[in-house]
Amino acid sequence: GYKLDAATNAGLPDWTITLKDSTGATVGTTTTSATGFYQFCNLMPGTYSLSETVKPGYQAGTSPGTVTLICNQDLTNQNFVNTKLLCISGYKLDGCTQAGLPDWTITLKDSSGATVGTTTTSATGFYQFCNLVPGTYTLSETLKAGYQAGAAPGTVTLTTENAQNRNFTNTKLLCISGYKLDAATNAGLPDWTITLKDSSGATVGTTTTSATGFY
């Protein structure tokens, strides 16, 4: 039979396949070829079991299990099919500086809305989720105070390759401040109304100066 990748149906080389007889004794082991092919020959009719050694980064899938050889009949296409586990990764970035932002919580959910995992960004803003089966996932972040929600990856579909650079970009919110002063004494003047407008002329907000003239 063959050792196959579930997503691509390509043969997987160098996987160990083990054959045991009905007593559980090992008849032989072999490794799959460049095309994923394996074969055991010179067998007596009877019942056997086939198993594989699952490699890291793959999920166990369908396997032949128990097979029965009868007289004058070879058994072919006794295939093992495994799913390659994948990763989703990216960065949490500052919208102004593009610097990585550490200690932000990133959440991954599957297509049913169930949480697959949560992680926090590293010192460089990097995050990663691994050991994922192909499918559709959604990424979200826990927004920190003092930042505006920005660009986010949203939905990510894994097929045969890892999904990289699924970045979140947020803008740090800033302040404008100052004082209302008396020109002669330089003392702060309280209870004056200060208005802030954006570049379009729309009013962003109004405030009144404090007892020290601060706004």
N, C-alpha and C. Protein backbone atom coordinates (compact mmCIF):
# COMPACT_ATOMS: atom_id res chain seq x y z
N GLY A 1 0.82 -1.19 0.00
CA GLY A 1 0.00 0.00 0.00
C GLY A 1 0.86 1.24 0.00
N TYR A 2 0.21 2.37 0.34
CA TYR A 2 0.90 3.67 0.33
C TYR A 2 0.66 4.42 1.63
N LYS A 3 1.61 5.27 1.94
CA LYS A 3 1.48 6.24 3.02
C LYS A 3 1.20 7.58 2.36
N LEU A 4 0.01 8.18 2.62
CA LEU A 4 -0.45 9.34 1.87
C LEU A 4 -0.73 10.53 2.77
N ASP A 5 -0.51 11.72 2.19
CA ASP A 5 -0.89 12.98 2.85
C ASP A 5 -2.37 13.23 2.57
N ALA A 6 -3.15 13.46 3.62
CA ALA A 6 -4.61 13.59 3.47
C ALA A 6 -5.00 14.79 2.62
N ALA A 7 -4.23 15.87 2.70
CA ALA A 7 -4.61 17.09 1.98
C ALA A 7 -4.23 17.02 0.51
N THR A 8 -3.06 16.45 0.20
CA THR A 8 -2.55 16.49 -1.17
C THR A 8 -2.62 15.13 -1.87
N ASN A 9 -2.83 14.07 -1.09
CA ASN A 9 -2.81 12.69 -1.59
C ASN A 9 -1.43 12.28 -2.12
N ALA A 10 -0.41 13.08 -1.78
CA ALA A 10 0.95 12.74 -2.19
C ALA A 10 1.51 11.66 -1.28
N GLY A 11 2.39 10.82 -1.83
CA GLY A 11 3.04 9.80 -1.03
C GLY A 11 4.05 10.40 -0.07
N LEU A 12 4.13 9.83 1.13
CA LEU A 12 5.05 10.32 2.15
C LEU A 12 6.17 9.32 2.35
N PRO A 13 7.41 9.71 2.09
CA PRO A 13 8.54 8.78 2.22
C PRO A 13 9.03 8.65 3.65
N ASP A 14 9.78 7.56 3.90
CA ASP A 14 10.52 7.36 5.15
C ASP A 14 9.63 7.24 6.39
N TRP A 15 8.44 6.71 6.21
CA TRP A 15 7.59 6.37 7.36
C TRP A 15 7.74 4.88 7.65
N THR A 16 7.77 4.54 8.94
CA THR A 16 7.94 3.15 9.34
C THR A 16 6.60 2.45 9.43
N ILE A 17 6.47 1.34 8.73
CA ILE A 17 5.27 0.50 8.74
C ILE A 17 5.63 -0.85 9.36
N THR A 18 4.79 -1.32 10.27
CA THR A 18 5.04 -2.58 10.98
C THR A 18 3.93 -3.57 10.69
N LEU A 19 4.30 -4.81 10.45
CA LEU A 19 3.34 -5.89 10.21
C LEU A 19 3.47 -6.93 11.32
N LYS A 20 2.31 -7.28 11.92
CA LYS A 20 2.29 -8.32 12.96
C LYS A 20 1.32 -9.43 12.56
N ASP A 21 1.61 -10.63 13.06
CA ASP A 21 0.70 -11.74 12.77
C ASP A 21 -0.42 -11.80 13.79
N SER A 22 -1.24 -12.84 13.70
CA SER A 22 -2.44 -12.94 14.55
C SER A 22 -2.09 -13.14 16.03
N THR A 23 -0.85 -13.52 16.32
CA THR A 23 -0.44 -13.70 17.72
C THR A 23 0.11 -12.41 18.30
N GLY A 24 0.29 -11.38 17.45
CA GLY A 24 0.88 -10.12 17.89
C GLY A 24 2.38 -10.06 17.69
N ALA A 25 2.96 -11.12 17.16
CA ALA A 25 4.40 -11.14 16.90
C ALA A 25 4.72 -10.32 15.66
N THR A 26 5.80 -9.57 15.72
CA THR A 26 6.20 -8.74 14.59
C THR A 26 6.76 -9.61 13.47
N VAL A 27 6.15 -9.49 12.31
CA VAL A 27 6.61 -10.22 11.13
C VAL A 27 7.72 -9.44 10.44
N GLY A 28 7.59 -8.12 10.43
CA GLY A 28 8.60 -7.29 9.79
C GLY A 28 8.27 -5.82 9.89
N THR A 29 9.27 -4.98 9.64
CA THR A 29 9.08 -3.53 9.53
C THR A 29 9.72 -3.08 8.23
N THR A 30 9.21 -2.00 7.68
CA THR A 30 9.78 -1.43 6.46
C THR A 30 9.54 0.06 6.47
N THR A 31 10.22 0.77 5.60
CA THR A 31 9.99 2.21 5.47
C THR A 31 9.46 2.50 4.09
N THR A 32 8.60 3.50 4.01
CA THR A 32 7.99 3.84 2.73
C THR A 32 9.02 4.45 1.79
N SER A 33 8.79 4.22 0.50
CA SER A 33 9.71 4.70 -0.53
C SER A 33 9.48 6.18 -0.82
N ALA A 34 10.18 6.68 -1.83
CA ALA A 34 10.03 8.09 -2.23
C ALA A 34 8.61 8.42 -2.65
N THR A 35 7.86 7.42 -3.10
CA THR A 35 6.47 7.62 -3.51
C THR A 35 5.47 7.27 -2.40
N GLY A 36 6.00 6.89 -1.23
CA GLY A 36 5.13 6.49 -0.12
C GLY A 36 4.77 5.01 -0.13
N PHE A 37 5.32 4.25 -1.06
CA PHE A 37 4.96 2.84 -1.21
C PHE A 37 5.66 1.97 -0.16
N TYR A 38 4.90 0.96 0.33
CA TYR A 38 5.50 -0.07 1.19
C TYR A 38 4.98 -1.44 0.75
N GLN A 39 5.71 -2.49 1.15
CA GLN A 39 5.31 -3.85 0.75
C GLN A 39 5.92 -4.89 1.69
N PHE A 40 5.12 -5.87 2.04
CA PHE A 40 5.60 -7.07 2.74
C PHE A 40 5.25 -8.27 1.86
N CYS A 41 6.24 -9.11 1.61
CA CYS A 41 6.02 -10.28 0.75
C CYS A 41 6.41 -11.57 1.48
N ASN A 42 6.23 -12.68 0.75
CA ASN A 42 6.56 -14.01 1.28
C ASN A 42 5.77 -14.33 2.55
N LEU A 43 4.48 -13.98 2.53
CA LEU A 43 3.62 -14.19 3.69
C LEU A 43 2.71 -15.40 3.46
N MET A 44 2.47 -16.14 4.52
CA MET A 44 1.49 -17.22 4.47
C MET A 44 0.08 -16.65 4.57
N PRO A 45 -0.92 -17.32 4.00
CA PRO A 45 -2.30 -16.88 4.22
C PRO A 45 -2.60 -16.82 5.71
N GLY A 46 -3.41 -15.82 6.09
CA GLY A 46 -3.75 -15.66 7.50
C GLY A 46 -4.13 -14.23 7.80
N THR A 47 -4.29 -13.95 9.08
CA THR A 47 -4.69 -12.61 9.53
C THR A 47 -3.48 -11.86 10.07
N TYR A 48 -3.35 -10.60 9.65
CA TYR A 48 -2.23 -9.75 10.04
C TYR A 48 -2.76 -8.38 10.47
N SER A 49 -1.94 -7.64 11.16
CA SER A 49 -2.29 -6.25 11.49
C SER A 49 -1.17 -5.33 11.04
N LEU A 50 -1.56 -4.18 10.49
CA LEU A 50 -0.62 -3.18 10.00
C LEU A 50 -0.70 -1.94 10.89
N SER A 51 0.46 -1.39 11.22
CA SER A 51 0.50 -0.15 12.00
C SER A 51 1.63 0.72 11.49
N GLU A 52 1.58 1.97 11.86
CA GLU A 52 2.61 2.93 11.45
C GLU A 52 3.18 3.61 12.68
N THR A 53 4.37 4.19 12.54
CA THR A 53 4.94 5.05 13.57
C THR A 53 4.66 6.48 13.14
N VAL A 54 3.75 7.16 13.87
CA VAL A 54 3.34 8.51 13.48
C VAL A 54 4.46 9.50 13.76
N LYS A 55 4.79 10.29 12.76
CA LYS A 55 5.85 11.29 12.91
C LYS A 55 5.31 12.55 13.57
N PRO A 56 6.18 13.27 14.29
CA PRO A 56 5.77 14.57 14.85
C PRO A 56 5.28 15.49 13.74
N GLY A 57 4.25 16.27 14.05
CA GLY A 57 3.72 17.19 13.05
C GLY A 57 2.64 16.61 12.18
N TYR A 58 2.23 15.37 12.48
CA TYR A 58 1.15 14.73 11.73
C TYR A 58 0.11 14.18 12.71
N GLN A 59 -1.12 14.15 12.26
CA GLN A 59 -2.20 13.55 13.04
C GLN A 59 -2.51 12.17 12.47
N ALA A 60 -2.64 11.19 13.38
CA ALA A 60 -2.99 9.84 12.93
C ALA A 60 -4.33 9.88 12.20
N GLY A 61 -4.40 9.14 11.11
CA GLY A 61 -5.63 9.13 10.31
C GLY A 61 -6.11 7.73 10.03
N THR A 62 -6.58 7.51 8.82
CA THR A 62 -7.10 6.17 8.47
C THR A 62 -5.94 5.21 8.26
N SER A 63 -6.16 3.95 8.62
CA SER A 63 -5.14 2.91 8.45
C SER A 63 -5.83 1.59 8.15
N PRO A 64 -5.12 0.65 7.53
CA PRO A 64 -5.75 -0.63 7.17
C PRO A 64 -6.16 -1.47 8.37
N GLY A 65 -5.37 -1.37 9.47
CA GLY A 65 -5.69 -2.17 10.65
C GLY A 65 -5.46 -3.65 10.39
N THR A 66 -6.49 -4.46 10.59
CA THR A 66 -6.38 -5.90 10.40
C THR A 66 -6.68 -6.27 8.95
N VAL A 67 -5.81 -7.09 8.38
CA VAL A 67 -6.00 -7.56 7.00
C VAL A 67 -5.94 -9.08 6.98
N THR A 68 -6.63 -9.69 6.04
CA THR A 68 -6.64 -11.15 5.92
C THR A 68 -6.19 -11.55 4.53
N LEU A 69 -5.14 -12.35 4.50
CA LEU A 69 -4.66 -12.91 3.23
C LEU A 69 -5.30 -14.27 3.00
N ILE A 70 -5.86 -14.45 1.81
CA ILE A 70 -6.39 -15.76 1.44
C ILE A 70 -5.54 -16.33 0.32
N CYS A 71 -5.71 -17.57 0.06
CA CYS A 71 -4.85 -18.25 -0.92
C CYS A 71 -4.92 -17.59 -2.30
N ASN A 72 -3.74 -17.43 -2.91
CA ASN A 72 -3.62 -16.95 -4.30
C ASN A 72 -4.18 -15.54 -4.52
N GLN A 73 -4.16 -14.70 -3.48
CA GLN A 73 -4.68 -13.34 -3.67
C GLN A 73 -3.85 -12.35 -2.85
N ASP A 74 -3.12 -11.47 -3.55
CA ASP A 74 -2.36 -10.41 -2.89
C ASP A 74 -3.32 -9.33 -2.39
N LEU A 75 -2.90 -8.59 -1.39
CA LEU A 75 -3.66 -7.43 -0.90
C LEU A 75 -2.91 -6.17 -1.29
N THR A 76 -3.56 -5.30 -2.06
CA THR A 76 -2.95 -4.04 -2.47
C THR A 76 -3.78 -2.87 -1.94
N ASN A 77 -3.21 -1.68 -2.06
CA ASN A 77 -3.88 -0.44 -1.65
C ASN A 77 -4.32 -0.47 -0.19
N GLN A 78 -3.50 -1.09 0.65
CA GLN A 78 -3.73 -1.04 2.09
C GLN A 78 -3.03 0.22 2.61
N ASN A 79 -3.73 1.36 2.45
CA ASN A 79 -3.09 2.66 2.59
C ASN A 79 -3.28 3.27 3.99
N PHE A 80 -2.27 4.01 4.39
CA PHE A 80 -2.33 4.87 5.57
C PHE A 80 -2.47 6.31 5.09
N VAL A 81 -3.40 7.06 5.70
CA VAL A 81 -3.61 8.46 5.31
C VAL A 81 -3.52 9.32 6.56
N ASN A 82 -2.58 10.25 6.55
CA ASN A 82 -2.37 11.12 7.71
C ASN A 82 -2.47 12.59 7.32
N THR A 83 -2.85 13.39 8.29
CA THR A 83 -3.01 14.82 8.08
C THR A 83 -1.82 15.57 8.66
N LYS A 84 -1.18 16.39 7.81
CA LYS A 84 -0.08 17.23 8.29
C LYS A 84 -0.64 18.35 9.15
N LEU A 85 -0.08 18.50 10.34
CA LEU A 85 -0.50 19.56 11.25
C LEU A 85 0.22 20.85 10.89
N LEU A 86 -0.51 21.95 10.96
CA LEU A 86 0.00 23.23 10.45
C LEU A 86 0.03 24.29 11.55
N CYS A 87 0.58 25.45 11.20
CA CYS A 87 0.69 26.57 12.14
C CYS A 87 0.09 27.84 11.56
N ILE A 88 -0.43 28.68 12.43
CA ILE A 88 -0.81 30.06 12.10
C ILE A 88 0.04 30.97 12.97
N SER A 89 0.69 31.94 12.35
CA SER A 89 1.55 32.84 13.12
C SER A 89 1.51 34.25 12.56
N GLY A 90 2.00 35.18 13.35
CA GLY A 90 2.05 36.57 12.92
C GLY A 90 2.59 37.46 14.01
N TYR A 91 2.35 38.76 13.86
CA TYR A 91 2.87 39.74 14.81
C TYR A 91 1.77 40.71 15.23
N LYS A 92 1.94 41.23 16.43
CA LYS A 92 1.13 42.33 16.93
C LYS A 92 1.97 43.59 16.80
N LEU A 93 1.53 44.55 15.95
CA LEU A 93 2.36 45.69 15.57
C LEU A 93 1.73 47.02 15.96
N ASP A 94 2.60 47.98 16.25
CA ASP A 94 2.18 49.36 16.48
C ASP A 94 1.96 50.03 15.13
N GLY A 95 0.77 50.63 14.94
CA GLY A 95 0.41 51.19 13.65
C GLY A 95 1.31 52.33 13.20
N CYS A 96 1.91 53.04 14.14
CA CYS A 96 2.77 54.18 13.79
C CYS A 96 4.21 53.77 13.55
N THR A 97 4.74 52.94 14.43
CA THR A 97 6.16 52.61 14.39
C THR A 97 6.45 51.26 13.75
N GLN A 98 5.42 50.41 13.62
CA GLN A 98 5.57 49.03 13.14
C GLN A 98 6.40 48.16 14.09
N ALA A 99 6.63 48.67 15.30
CA ALA A 99 7.34 47.87 16.30
C ALA A 99 6.41 46.80 16.85
N GLY A 100 6.98 45.65 17.22
CA GLY A 100 6.18 44.59 17.82
C GLY A 100 5.73 44.96 19.22
N LEU A 101 4.50 44.57 19.56
CA LEU A 101 3.93 44.88 20.88
C LEU A 101 3.84 43.60 21.69
N PRO A 102 4.54 43.52 22.83
CA PRO A 102 4.53 42.30 23.66
C PRO A 102 3.31 42.22 24.56
N ASP A 103 3.04 41.00 25.02
CA ASP A 103 2.04 40.74 26.07
C ASP A 103 0.61 41.09 25.68
N TRP A 104 0.29 40.95 24.42
CA TRP A 104 -1.10 41.07 23.97
C TRP A 104 -1.68 39.67 23.83
N THR A 105 -2.93 39.51 24.20
CA THR A 105 -3.59 38.19 24.15
C THR A 105 -4.23 37.99 22.78
N ILE A 106 -3.87 36.89 22.13
CA ILE A 106 -4.42 36.50 20.83
C ILE A 106 -5.21 35.20 21.02
N THR A 107 -6.41 35.15 20.46
CA THR A 107 -7.29 33.98 20.59
C THR A 107 -7.58 33.38 19.23
N LEU A 108 -7.53 32.05 19.18
CA LEU A 108 -7.84 31.32 17.94
C LEU A 108 -9.08 30.47 18.15
N LYS A 109 -10.05 30.57 17.22
CA LYS A 109 -11.26 29.75 17.28
C LYS A 109 -11.42 28.98 15.97
N ASP A 110 -12.07 27.80 16.07
CA ASP A 110 -12.30 27.01 14.87
C ASP A 110 -13.59 27.44 14.19
N SER A 111 -13.98 26.73 13.14
CA SER A 111 -15.13 27.13 12.34
C SER A 111 -16.45 27.02 13.09
N SER A 112 -16.46 26.26 14.19
CA SER A 112 -17.67 26.15 15.00
C SER A 112 -17.76 27.25 16.05
N GLY A 113 -16.70 28.04 16.17
CA GLY A 113 -16.66 29.10 17.18
C GLY A 113 -16.04 28.66 18.49
N ALA A 114 -15.60 27.41 18.57
CA ALA A 114 -14.96 26.90 19.79
C ALA A 114 -13.52 27.41 19.86
N THR A 115 -13.09 27.78 21.05
CA THR A 115 -11.73 28.28 21.24
C THR A 115 -10.73 27.14 21.14
N VAL A 116 -9.79 27.29 20.21
CA VAL A 116 -8.72 26.30 20.03
C VAL A 116 -7.58 26.59 21.01
N GLY A 117 -7.31 27.86 21.24
CA GLY A 117 -6.24 28.24 22.16
C GLY A 117 -6.09 29.73 22.27
N THR A 118 -5.38 30.15 23.30
CA THR A 118 -5.00 31.56 23.47
C THR A 118 -3.50 31.60 23.73
N THR A 119 -2.89 32.71 23.35
CA THR A 119 -1.46 32.90 23.59
C THR A 119 -1.19 34.38 23.76
N THR A 120 -0.02 34.72 24.27
CA THR A 120 0.38 36.11 24.39
C THR A 120 1.58 36.38 23.50
N THR A 121 1.63 37.58 22.95
CA THR A 121 2.72 37.93 22.05
C THR A 121 4.04 38.02 22.81
N SER A 122 5.12 37.69 22.10
CA SER A 122 6.46 37.68 22.70
C SER A 122 7.01 39.10 22.77
N ALA A 123 8.27 39.20 23.19
CA ALA A 123 8.93 40.51 23.29
C ALA A 123 8.98 41.22 21.94
N THR A 124 8.94 40.46 20.84
CA THR A 124 8.97 41.05 19.51
C THR A 124 7.58 41.21 18.91
N GLY A 125 6.55 40.85 19.69
CA GLY A 125 5.18 40.92 19.19
C GLY A 125 4.73 39.67 18.47
N PHE A 126 5.56 38.64 18.45
CA PHE A 126 5.26 37.41 17.69
C PHE A 126 4.30 36.51 18.46
N TYR A 127 3.38 35.87 17.71
CA TYR A 127 2.51 34.83 18.28
C TYR A 127 2.45 33.67 17.30
N GLN A 128 2.06 32.49 17.82
CA GLN A 128 1.97 31.30 16.96
C GLN A 128 1.05 30.26 17.58
N PHE A 129 0.25 29.63 16.73
CA PHE A 129 -0.55 28.45 17.10
C PHE A 129 -0.14 27.32 16.16
N CYS A 130 0.19 26.15 16.73
CA CYS A 130 0.63 25.01 15.91
C CYS A 130 -0.22 23.77 16.20
N ASN A 131 0.13 22.70 15.51
CA ASN A 131 -0.58 21.42 15.63
C ASN A 131 -2.06 21.56 15.23
N LEU A 132 -2.29 22.32 14.15
CA LEU A 132 -3.65 22.57 13.66
C LEU A 132 -3.93 21.72 12.43
N VAL A 133 -5.13 21.15 12.36
CA VAL A 133 -5.55 20.43 11.17
C VAL A 133 -6.03 21.44 10.13
N PRO A 134 -5.97 21.10 8.84
CA PRO A 134 -6.51 22.00 7.83
C PRO A 134 -7.96 22.35 8.12
N GLY A 135 -8.32 23.60 7.81
CA GLY A 135 -9.68 24.06 8.07
C GLY A 135 -9.70 25.57 8.18
N THR A 136 -10.84 26.11 8.58
CA THR A 136 -11.04 27.54 8.70
C THR A 136 -11.02 27.95 10.16
N TYR A 137 -10.28 29.02 10.46
CA TYR A 137 -10.12 29.51 11.81
C TYR A 137 -10.33 31.02 11.83
N THR A 138 -10.62 31.56 13.02
CA THR A 138 -10.70 33.01 13.19
C THR A 138 -9.75 33.43 14.29
N LEU A 139 -9.09 34.56 14.07
CA LEU A 139 -8.15 35.15 15.02
C LEU A 139 -8.74 36.44 15.58
N SER A 140 -8.57 36.63 16.88
CA SER A 140 -9.00 37.88 17.50
C SER A 140 -8.00 38.26 18.58
N GLU A 141 -8.06 39.50 19.00
CA GLU A 141 -7.16 40.00 20.04
C GLU A 141 -7.98 40.60 21.17
N THR A 142 -7.37 40.68 22.35
CA THR A 142 -7.97 41.41 23.47
C THR A 142 -7.37 42.80 23.45
N LEU A 143 -8.20 43.79 23.12
CA LEU A 143 -7.72 45.16 22.94
C LEU A 143 -7.33 45.77 24.28
N LYS A 144 -6.15 46.36 24.33
CA LYS A 144 -5.69 47.00 25.56
C LYS A 144 -6.15 48.46 25.60
N ALA A 145 -6.33 48.94 26.82
CA ALA A 145 -6.68 50.35 27.02
C ALA A 145 -5.58 51.23 26.42
N GLY A 146 -5.99 52.34 25.80
CA GLY A 146 -5.03 53.26 25.22
C GLY A 146 -4.68 52.96 23.78
N TYR A 147 -5.35 51.97 23.18
CA TYR A 147 -5.13 51.63 21.78
C TYR A 147 -6.45 51.59 21.03
N GLN A 148 -6.39 51.90 19.76
CA GLN A 148 -7.56 51.83 18.88
C GLN A 148 -7.50 50.53 18.09
N ALA A 149 -8.65 49.85 17.98
CA ALA A 149 -8.70 48.63 17.16
C ALA A 149 -8.30 48.96 15.73
N GLY A 150 -7.48 48.09 15.12
CA GLY A 150 -7.00 48.36 13.77
C GLY A 150 -7.15 47.15 12.88
N ALA A 151 -6.17 46.97 11.98
CA ALA A 151 -6.22 45.85 11.04
C ALA A 151 -6.02 44.53 11.77
N ALA A 152 -6.80 43.51 11.38
CA ALA A 152 -6.73 42.19 12.00
C ALA A 152 -6.89 41.12 10.92
N PRO A 153 -6.28 39.93 11.12
CA PRO A 153 -6.37 38.89 10.08
C PRO A 153 -7.78 38.36 9.87
N GLY A 154 -8.59 38.29 10.96
CA GLY A 154 -9.94 37.74 10.83
C GLY A 154 -9.92 36.26 10.55
N THR A 155 -10.50 35.86 9.42
CA THR A 155 -10.61 34.44 9.07
C THR A 155 -9.37 33.96 8.33
N VAL A 156 -8.87 32.79 8.73
CA VAL A 156 -7.70 32.18 8.10
C VAL A 156 -8.07 30.75 7.69
N THR A 157 -7.77 30.39 6.46
CA THR A 157 -8.03 29.03 5.98
C THR A 157 -6.71 28.30 5.77
N LEU A 158 -6.53 27.20 6.49
CA LEU A 158 -5.35 26.36 6.33
C LEU A 158 -5.67 25.24 5.34
N THR A 159 -4.79 25.03 4.39
CA THR A 159 -4.96 23.93 3.43
C THR A 159 -3.77 22.97 3.53
N THR A 160 -2.67 23.31 2.86
CA THR A 160 -1.49 22.43 2.87
C THR A 160 -0.25 23.12 3.42
N GLU A 161 -0.31 24.43 3.63
CA GLU A 161 0.86 25.18 4.08
C GLU A 161 0.52 25.99 5.33
N ASN A 162 1.57 26.33 6.09
CA ASN A 162 1.39 27.19 7.25
C ASN A 162 0.93 28.58 6.81
N ALA A 163 0.18 29.24 7.68
CA ALA A 163 -0.25 30.62 7.43
C ALA A 163 0.62 31.55 8.27
N GLN A 164 1.42 32.38 7.61
CA GLN A 164 2.36 33.26 8.29
C GLN A 164 1.97 34.72 8.08
N ASN A 165 2.56 35.59 8.92
CA ASN A 165 2.35 37.04 8.81
C ASN A 165 0.87 37.42 8.87
N ARG A 166 0.14 36.74 9.75
CA ARG A 166 -1.25 37.12 10.01
C ARG A 166 -1.21 38.14 11.14
N ASN A 167 -0.99 39.39 10.76
CA ASN A 167 -0.64 40.43 11.72
C ASN A 167 -1.84 41.25 12.19
N PHE A 168 -1.74 41.67 13.44
CA PHE A 168 -2.65 42.65 14.02
C PHE A 168 -1.89 43.97 14.10
N THR A 169 -2.55 45.07 13.67
CA THR A 169 -1.92 46.38 13.72
C THR A 169 -2.84 47.35 14.44
N ASN A 170 -2.36 47.91 15.54
CA ASN A 170 -3.16 48.82 16.35
C ASN A 170 -2.45 50.15 16.53
N THR A 171 -3.23 51.21 16.66
CA THR A 171 -2.70 52.55 16.83
C THR A 171 -2.80 52.98 18.29
N LYS A 172 -1.67 53.39 18.84
CA LYS A 172 -1.66 53.89 20.22
C LYS A 172 -2.37 55.24 20.25
N LEU A 173 -3.30 55.40 21.18
CA LEU A 173 -4.03 56.66 21.33
C LEU A 173 -3.18 57.64 22.12
N LEU A 174 -3.19 58.92 21.69
CA LEU A 174 -2.29 59.94 22.24
C LEU A 174 -3.08 61.07 22.89
N CYS A 175 -2.38 61.98 23.49
CA CYS A 175 -2.99 63.12 24.21
C CYS A 175 -2.43 64.45 23.70
N ILE A 176 -3.26 65.46 23.75
CA ILE A 176 -2.83 66.86 23.58
C ILE A 176 -3.18 67.57 24.88
N SER A 177 -2.22 68.25 25.47
CA SER A 177 -2.46 68.93 26.75
C SER A 177 -1.72 70.26 26.80
N GLY A 178 -2.11 71.07 27.75
CA GLY A 178 -1.47 72.37 27.93
C GLY A 178 -2.11 73.15 29.05
N TYR A 179 -1.83 74.44 29.08
CA TYR A 179 -2.36 75.32 30.13
C TYR A 179 -2.98 76.57 29.52
N LYS A 180 -3.93 77.11 30.24
CA LYS A 180 -4.50 78.43 29.92
C LYS A 180 -3.86 79.40 30.90
N LEU A 181 -3.06 80.37 30.37
CA LEU A 181 -2.24 81.23 31.23
C LEU A 181 -2.60 82.70 31.10
N ASP A 182 -2.42 83.42 32.20
CA ASP A 182 -2.54 84.89 32.21
C ASP A 182 -1.24 85.47 31.68
N ALA A 183 -1.31 86.30 30.65
CA ALA A 183 -0.12 86.81 29.99
C ALA A 183 0.76 87.64 30.91
N ALA A 184 0.14 88.33 31.87
CA ALA A 184 0.93 89.22 32.74
C ALA A 184 1.57 88.44 33.88
N THR A 185 0.82 87.51 34.47
CA THR A 185 1.32 86.83 35.68
C THR A 185 1.80 85.41 35.42
N ASN A 186 1.43 84.88 34.25
CA ASN A 186 1.72 83.47 33.89
C ASN A 186 1.00 82.47 34.80
N ALA A 187 0.00 82.99 35.57
CA ALA A 187 -0.79 82.11 36.43
C ALA A 187 -1.81 81.36 35.59
N GLY A 188 -2.12 80.13 36.02
CA GLY A 188 -3.14 79.35 35.34
C GLY A 188 -4.53 79.93 35.54
N LEU A 189 -5.32 79.89 34.47
CA LEU A 189 -6.68 80.43 34.53
C LEU A 189 -7.69 79.29 34.48
N PRO A 190 -8.49 79.10 35.53
CA PRO A 190 -9.45 78.00 35.57
C PRO A 190 -10.73 78.31 34.80
N ASP A 191 -11.46 77.24 34.49
CA ASP A 191 -12.82 77.32 33.93
C ASP A 191 -12.89 78.00 32.57
N TRP A 192 -11.87 77.85 31.80
CA TRP A 192 -11.93 78.29 30.41
C TRP A 192 -12.25 77.08 29.53
N THR A 193 -13.06 77.29 28.50
CA THR A 193 -13.45 76.20 27.61
C THR A 193 -12.45 76.07 26.46
N ILE A 194 -11.92 74.88 26.29
CA ILE A 194 -10.98 74.57 25.20
C ILE A 194 -11.66 73.56 24.27
N THR A 195 -11.60 73.82 22.96
CA THR A 195 -12.23 72.94 21.97
C THR A 195 -11.17 72.37 21.04
N LEU A 196 -11.31 71.08 20.74
CA LEU A 196 -10.40 70.38 19.82
C LEU A 196 -11.18 69.94 18.59
N LYS A 197 -10.65 70.26 17.39
CA LYS A 197 -11.26 69.82 16.14
C LYS A 197 -10.24 69.04 15.32
N ASP A 198 -10.75 68.10 14.49
CA ASP A 198 -9.84 67.34 13.63
C ASP A 198 -9.61 68.09 12.31
N SER A 199 -8.88 67.44 11.39
CA SER A 199 -8.50 68.11 10.14
C SER A 199 -9.69 68.44 9.25
N SER A 200 -10.82 67.77 9.48
CA SER A 200 -12.02 68.07 8.67
C SER A 200 -12.85 69.18 9.27
N GLY A 201 -12.46 69.65 10.46
CA GLY A 201 -13.21 70.69 11.13
C GLY A 201 -14.24 70.17 12.10
N ALA A 202 -14.36 68.84 12.20
CA ALA A 202 -15.33 68.26 13.13
C ALA A 202 -14.79 68.35 14.55
N THR A 203 -15.71 68.65 15.49
CA THR A 203 -15.31 68.77 16.88
C THR A 203 -15.04 67.40 17.48
N VAL A 204 -13.84 67.23 18.02
CA VAL A 204 -13.45 66.00 18.69
C VAL A 204 -13.91 66.01 20.13
N GLY A 205 -13.81 67.18 20.77
CA GLY A 205 -14.24 67.29 22.16
C GLY A 205 -14.03 68.69 22.70
N THR A 206 -14.66 68.95 23.83
CA THR A 206 -14.44 70.20 24.56
C THR A 206 -14.15 69.85 26.01
N THR A 207 -13.40 70.72 26.68
CA THR A 207 -13.08 70.52 28.09
C THR A 207 -12.89 71.89 28.72
N THR A 208 -12.85 71.94 30.05
CA THR A 208 -12.58 73.20 30.77
C THR A 208 -11.31 73.07 31.55
N THR A 209 -10.61 74.16 31.63
CA THR A 209 -9.32 74.14 32.34
C THR A 209 -9.55 73.93 33.84
N SER A 210 -8.56 73.29 34.47
CA SER A 210 -8.63 72.99 35.89
C SER A 210 -8.27 74.22 36.73
N ALA A 211 -8.17 74.04 38.03
CA ALA A 211 -7.82 75.14 38.95
C ALA A 211 -6.45 75.71 38.64
N THR A 212 -5.57 74.90 38.02
CA THR A 212 -4.23 75.40 37.66
C THR A 212 -4.17 75.86 36.21
N GLY A 213 -5.30 75.83 35.52
CA GLY A 213 -5.34 76.22 34.11
C GLY A 213 -5.03 75.09 33.15
N PHE A 214 -4.88 73.88 33.72
CA PHE A 214 -4.51 72.73 32.88
C PHE A 214 -5.72 72.18 32.12
N TYR A 215 -5.46 71.75 30.85
CA TYR A 215 -6.48 70.99 30.09
C TYR A 215 -5.81 69.83 29.40
